[in-house]
Amino acid sequence: MTETRENRLKRLKMRSWRRGMKEMDLILGPWADGTLEELSPEDLDLLEDLLEENDQDLYRWIVSGGAPERLSPLLDRIAAHAQARFRG
């Protein structure tokens, strides 16, 4: 059975907010709330891949860079959103 876009977005929001590391909850959750509906199916596929990564790696990549090339554009968007949020 094929998942509807609505169900996929709900699932991805839940996975963004329910990470194993609180810092990643606070970075990915708000980003997902404000951005997921704008993403293309290809970007959603990339997000699915990103959410399979280890939280410690994701956090390091967002804070310090060095992410795998295929994830870098999406991680850059997430990092920019987090920086804008935390700077007020």
Protein backbone atom coordinates (compact mmCIF):
# COMPACT_ATOMS: atom_id res chain seq x y z
CA MET A 1 0.00 0.00 0.00
CA THR A 2 1.27 3.47 -0.86
CA GLU A 3 1.58 6.05 1.88
CA THR A 4 -0.29 9.31 1.31
CA ARG A 5 1.69 12.56 1.36
CA GLU A 6 -0.27 13.67 4.44
CA ASN A 7 0.66 10.52 6.36
CA ARG A 8 4.26 10.77 5.22
CA LEU A 9 4.52 14.36 6.49
CA LYS A 10 3.00 13.38 9.84
CA ARG A 11 5.44 10.49 10.17
CA LEU A 12 8.43 12.66 9.28
CA LYS A 13 7.37 15.36 11.75
CA MET A 14 7.10 12.75 14.48
CA ARG A 15 10.53 11.34 13.63
CA SER A 16 11.99 14.85 13.62
CA TRP A 17 10.63 15.62 17.08
CA ARG A 18 11.31 12.21 18.64
CA ARG A 19 15.04 11.76 18.22
CA GLY A 20 17.41 10.14 20.70
CA MET A 21 19.12 13.41 21.54
CA LYS A 22 17.27 16.46 22.89
CA GLU A 23 19.45 18.86 20.92
CA MET A 24 18.34 17.22 17.69
CA ASP A 25 14.69 17.39 18.79
CA LEU A 26 15.11 21.14 19.20
CA ILE A 27 16.82 21.54 15.83
CA LEU A 28 14.83 19.16 13.62
CA GLY A 29 11.39 19.49 15.22
CA PRO A 30 10.79 23.21 14.64
CA TRP A 31 12.38 22.99 11.19
CA ALA A 32 10.03 20.15 10.26
CA ASP A 33 7.00 22.02 11.61
CA GLY A 34 7.70 25.02 9.41
CA THR A 35 9.20 23.45 6.32
CA LEU A 36 8.04 19.91 5.51
CA GLU A 37 4.97 20.89 3.54
CA GLU A 38 7.15 22.93 1.16
CA LEU A 39 9.53 20.08 0.35
CA SER A 40 9.48 18.23 -2.96
CA PRO A 41 9.13 14.45 -3.00
CA GLU A 42 12.86 14.23 -3.74
CA ASP A 43 13.69 16.40 -0.71
CA LEU A 44 11.40 14.24 1.43
CA ASP A 45 13.33 11.17 0.23
CA LEU A 46 16.56 12.89 1.24
CA LEU A 47 15.08 13.76 4.64
CA GLU A 48 14.16 10.09 5.11
CA ASP A 49 17.81 9.22 4.50
CA LEU A 50 18.97 11.96 6.86
CA LEU A 51 16.68 10.73 9.64
CA GLU A 52 18.34 7.31 9.43
CA GLU A 53 21.66 8.86 10.48
CA ASN A 54 22.99 8.80 14.02
CA ASP A 55 22.01 11.87 16.09
CA GLN A 56 25.58 12.52 17.21
CA ASP A 57 26.71 12.63 13.59
CA LEU A 58 23.81 14.87 12.57
CA TYR A 59 24.52 17.29 15.39
CA ARG A 60 28.22 17.45 14.54
CA TRP A 61 27.45 18.02 10.85
CA ILE A 62 25.00 20.83 11.64
CA VAL A 63 27.32 22.54 14.10
CA SER A 64 30.70 21.93 12.47
CA GLY A 65 30.05 20.80 8.91
CA GLY A 66 31.63 17.82 7.22
CA ALA A 67 28.36 16.12 6.24
CA PRO A 68 28.23 13.65 3.35
CA GLU A 69 27.88 15.57 0.10
CA ARG A 70 24.39 14.24 -0.67
CA LEU A 71 23.05 15.47 2.70
CA SER A 72 24.88 18.81 2.81
CA PRO A 73 22.29 20.98 1.01
CA LEU A 74 19.47 19.82 3.29
CA LEU A 75 21.62 20.06 6.42
CA ASP A 76 22.64 23.59 5.43
CA ARG A 77 18.96 24.58 5.29
CA ILE A 78 18.30 22.98 8.67
CA ALA A 79 21.35 24.65 10.22
CA ALA A 80 20.35 28.08 8.86
CA HIS A 81 16.87 27.67 10.30
CA ALA A 82 18.26 26.65 13.71
CA GLN A 83 20.73 29.54 13.78
CA ALA A 84 17.99 32.05 12.96
CA ARG A 85 15.75 30.59 15.67
CA PHE A 86 18.39 30.58 18.37
CA ARG A 87 19.66 34.06 17.57
CA GLY A 88 16.18 35.42 17.92
